[in-house]
């Protein structure tokens, strides 16, 4: 989140739109990606560590997502190299973020309002 204040937006959903095993909450606040789902070429990818019933997308573990994204950066040998460069050099982090956006890894999901992500 240090790289961009607009990775996610916090919003409130109507509790009537979601089913829970227990009592429904009065307020349901969620974070929604401003960039949409990660797409590595075969359709959107879900992060398997995030629980979901009826998931319709393929899923990868968090390390699996990082490893898949690493393939877009041939200048780094390991995920640690990529992460270290992003932490140590804000300009490099910004360029790497642009590379991902340029590769259209963040397709429009339609699940957010563009206004809230500005």
C-alpha atoms as a PDB file:
ATOM      1  CA  UNK A   1       0.000   0.000   0.000  1.00  0.00           C
ATOM      2  CA  UNK A   2       3.023   2.270   0.282  1.00  0.00           C
ATOM      3  CA  UNK A   3       3.264   2.308  -3.506  1.00  0.00           C
ATOM      4  CA  UNK A   4      -0.215   3.507  -4.266  1.00  0.00           C
ATOM      5  CA  UNK A   5      -2.960   4.888  -2.109  1.00  0.00           C
ATOM      6  CA  UNK A   6      -5.488   3.461  -4.530  1.00  0.00           C
ATOM      7  CA  UNK A   7      -4.823  -0.288  -4.602  1.00  0.00           C
ATOM      8  CA  UNK A   8      -8.075  -0.911  -2.746  1.00  0.00           C
ATOM      9  CA  UNK A   9     -11.115   1.088  -1.800  1.00  0.00           C
ATOM     10  CA  UNK A  10     -13.170   0.566   1.335  1.00  0.00           C
ATOM     11  CA  UNK A  11     -16.910   0.451   0.779  1.00  0.00           C
ATOM     12  CA  UNK A  12     -20.096  -0.752   2.415  1.00  0.00           C
ATOM     13  CA  UNK A  13     -22.221  -3.515   0.923  1.00  0.00           C
ATOM     14  CA  UNK A  14     -25.859  -4.114   1.602  1.00  0.00           C
ATOM     15  CA  UNK A  15     -26.015  -7.057   4.057  1.00  0.00           C
ATOM     16  CA  UNK A  16     -29.000  -8.406   2.110  1.00  0.00           C
ATOM     17  CA  UNK A  17     -26.717  -9.234  -0.836  1.00  0.00           C
ATOM     18  CA  UNK A  18     -24.633 -11.751   1.133  1.00  0.00           C
ATOM     19  CA  UNK A  19     -25.557 -14.987   2.889  1.00  0.00           C
ATOM     20  CA  UNK A  20     -23.949 -15.972   6.184  1.00  0.00           C
ATOM     21  CA  UNK A  21     -24.101 -19.221   8.147  1.00  0.00           C
ATOM     22  CA  UNK A  22     -24.804 -17.190  11.287  1.00  0.00           C
ATOM     23  CA  UNK A  23     -26.603 -13.930  11.933  1.00  0.00           C
ATOM     24  CA  UNK A  24     -26.311 -11.237   9.281  1.00  0.00           C
ATOM     25  CA  UNK A  25     -24.318  -8.142  10.260  1.00  0.00           C
ATOM     26  CA  UNK A  26     -25.936  -4.715  10.432  1.00  0.00           C
ATOM     27  CA  UNK A  27     -23.031  -3.185   8.479  1.00  0.00           C
ATOM     28  CA  UNK A  28     -20.810  -5.006   5.991  1.00  0.00           C
ATOM     29  CA  UNK A  29     -17.604  -3.142   5.102  1.00  0.00           C
ATOM     30  CA  UNK A  30     -15.260  -4.606   2.510  1.00  0.00           C
ATOM     31  CA  UNK A  31     -12.140  -3.720   0.572  1.00  0.00           C
ATOM     32  CA  UNK A  32     -12.480  -3.985  -3.206  1.00  0.00           C
ATOM     33  CA  UNK A  33      -9.552  -3.957  -5.605  1.00  0.00           C
ATOM     34  CA  UNK A  34      -9.347  -0.849  -7.751  1.00  0.00           C
ATOM     35  CA  UNK A  35      -7.543  -2.872 -10.409  1.00  0.00           C
ATOM     36  CA  UNK A  36      -9.781  -5.909 -10.686  1.00  0.00           C
ATOM     37  CA  UNK A  37      -8.745  -9.533 -10.627  1.00  0.00           C
ATOM     38  CA  UNK A  38      -5.243 -10.686 -11.492  1.00  0.00           C
ATOM     39  CA  UNK A  39      -5.230 -12.243 -14.964  1.00  0.00           C
ATOM     40  CA  UNK A  40      -2.140 -14.131 -16.092  1.00  0.00           C
ATOM     41  CA  UNK A  41      -3.524 -14.980 -19.514  1.00  0.00           C
ATOM     42  CA  UNK A  42      -5.948 -17.830 -18.835  1.00  0.00           C
ATOM     43  CA  UNK A  43      -8.569 -15.804 -16.977  1.00  0.00           C
ATOM     44  CA  UNK A  44      -8.805 -14.277 -13.517  1.00  0.00           C
ATOM     45  CA  UNK A  45      -6.865 -15.834 -10.643  1.00  0.00           C
ATOM     46  CA  UNK A  46      -8.177 -15.991  -7.093  1.00  0.00           C
ATOM     47  CA  UNK A  47      -5.900 -16.193  -4.050  1.00  0.00           C
ATOM     48  CA  UNK A  48      -6.621 -19.584  -2.505  1.00  0.00           C
ATOM     49  CA  UNK A  49      -5.947 -18.377   1.059  1.00  0.00           C
ATOM     50  CA  UNK A  50      -9.051 -16.189   0.847  1.00  0.00           C
ATOM     51  CA  UNK A  51     -11.982 -18.435   1.739  1.00  0.00           C
ATOM     52  CA  UNK A  52     -14.776 -18.604  -0.814  1.00  0.00           C
ATOM     53  CA  UNK A  53     -17.693 -20.908  -1.557  1.00  0.00           C
ATOM     54  CA  UNK A  54     -18.591 -21.548  -5.173  1.00  0.00           C
ATOM     55  CA  UNK A  55     -15.384 -20.026  -6.493  1.00  0.00           C
ATOM     56  CA  UNK A  56     -15.525 -19.779 -10.271  1.00  0.00           C
ATOM     57  CA  UNK A  57     -11.908 -18.756 -10.922  1.00  0.00           C
ATOM     58  CA  UNK A  58      -8.761 -20.829 -10.769  1.00  0.00           C
ATOM     59  CA  UNK A  59      -6.799 -20.130  -7.603  1.00  0.00           C
ATOM     60  CA  UNK A  60      -3.172 -19.975  -6.554  1.00  0.00           C
ATOM     61  CA  UNK A  61      -1.525 -19.664  -3.161  1.00  0.00           C
ATOM     62  CA  UNK A  62      -0.003 -16.282  -2.323  1.00  0.00           C
ATOM     63  CA  UNK A  63       3.507 -17.644  -3.041  1.00  0.00           C
ATOM     64  CA  UNK A  64       2.136 -19.125  -6.283  1.00  0.00           C
ATOM     65  CA  UNK A  65       0.820 -15.723  -7.372  1.00  0.00           C
ATOM     66  CA  UNK A  66       4.177 -14.105  -6.618  1.00  0.00           C
ATOM     67  CA  UNK A  67       6.024 -16.822  -8.536  1.00  0.00           C
ATOM     68  CA  UNK A  68       3.677 -16.423 -11.526  1.00  0.00           C
ATOM     69  CA  UNK A  69       4.128 -12.644 -11.531  1.00  0.00           C
ATOM     70  CA  UNK A  70       7.924 -13.052 -11.273  1.00  0.00           C
ATOM     71  CA  UNK A  71       7.874 -14.435 -14.825  1.00  0.00           C
ATOM     72  CA  UNK A  72       6.945 -10.925 -16.023  1.00  0.00           C
ATOM     73  CA  UNK A  73      10.250  -9.562 -14.652  1.00  0.00           C
ATOM     74  CA  UNK A  74      13.220 -11.362 -16.232  1.00  0.00           C
ATOM     75  CA  UNK A  75      15.662  -9.015 -14.478  1.00  0.00           C
ATOM     76  CA  UNK A  76      14.935 -10.731 -11.133  1.00  0.00           C
ATOM     77  CA  UNK A  77      16.019 -14.270 -10.347  1.00  0.00           C
ATOM     78  CA  UNK A  78      13.795 -14.774  -7.310  1.00  0.00           C
ATOM     79  CA  UNK A  79      10.634 -13.382  -5.761  1.00  0.00           C
ATOM     80  CA  UNK A  80      12.826 -12.065  -2.918  1.00  0.00           C
ATOM     81  CA  UNK A  81      14.877 -10.057  -5.448  1.00  0.00           C
ATOM     82  CA  UNK A  82      11.692  -8.509  -6.846  1.00  0.00           C
ATOM     83  CA  UNK A  83      10.239  -7.732  -3.419  1.00  0.00           C
ATOM     84  CA  UNK A  84      13.537  -6.324  -2.142  1.00  0.00           C
ATOM     85  CA  UNK A  85      13.838  -3.994  -5.138  1.00  0.00           C
ATOM     86  CA  UNK A  86      10.262  -2.798  -4.576  1.00  0.00           C
ATOM     87  CA  UNK A  87      10.905  -2.071  -0.899  1.00  0.00           C
ATOM     88  CA  UNK A  88      14.309  -0.440  -1.313  1.00  0.00           C
ATOM     89  CA  UNK A  89      13.694   1.673  -4.405  1.00  0.00           C
ATOM     90  CA  UNK A  90      10.356   3.513  -4.754  1.00  0.00           C
ATOM     91  CA  UNK A  91      11.135   4.459  -8.361  1.00  0.00           C
ATOM     92  CA  UNK A  92      11.722   0.797  -9.256  1.00  0.00           C
ATOM     93  CA  UNK A  93       8.534  -0.183  -7.425  1.00  0.00           C
ATOM     94  CA  UNK A  94       6.571   2.393  -9.426  1.00  0.00           C
ATOM     95  CA  UNK A  95       8.079   1.111 -12.686  1.00  0.00           C
ATOM     96  CA  UNK A  96       7.300  -2.501 -11.753  1.00  0.00           C
ATOM     97  CA  UNK A  97       3.718  -1.529 -10.964  1.00  0.00           C
ATOM     98  CA  UNK A  98       3.448   0.178 -14.366  1.00  0.00           C
ATOM     99  CA  UNK A  99       4.812  -2.973 -16.003  1.00  0.00           C
ATOM    100  CA  UNK A 100       2.040  -5.044 -14.464  1.00  0.00           C
ATOM    101  CA  UNK A 101      -0.589  -2.505 -15.479  1.00  0.00           C
ATOM    102  CA  UNK A 102       0.874  -2.316 -19.004  1.00  0.00           C
ATOM    103  CA  UNK A 103       0.622  -6.105 -19.288  1.00  0.00           C
ATOM    104  CA  UNK A 104      -3.070  -5.745 -18.423  1.00  0.00           C
ATOM    105  CA  UNK A 105      -2.839  -8.071 -15.461  1.00  0.00           C
ATOM    106  CA  UNK A 106      -5.535  -6.022 -13.746  1.00  0.00           C
ATOM    107  CA  UNK A 107      -8.625  -6.220 -15.981  1.00  0.00           C
ATOM    108  CA  UNK A 108     -11.690  -4.171 -15.174  1.00  0.00           C
ATOM    109  CA  UNK A 109     -13.830  -6.235 -12.829  1.00  0.00           C
ATOM    110  CA  UNK A 110     -16.931  -4.073 -12.819  1.00  0.00           C
ATOM    111  CA  UNK A 111     -17.082  -4.589  -9.049  1.00  0.00           C
ATOM    112  CA  UNK A 112     -16.017  -1.103  -8.113  1.00  0.00           C
ATOM    113  CA  UNK A 113     -16.795   2.468  -8.878  1.00  0.00           C
ATOM    114  CA  UNK A 114     -13.999   4.274 -10.693  1.00  0.00           C
ATOM    115  CA  UNK A 115     -14.843   7.370  -8.642  1.00  0.00           C
ATOM    116  CA  UNK A 116     -14.026   5.675  -5.355  1.00  0.00           C
ATOM    117  CA  UNK A 117     -10.640   4.538  -6.637  1.00  0.00           C
ATOM    118  CA  UNK A 118      -9.353   7.991  -7.641  1.00  0.00           C
END
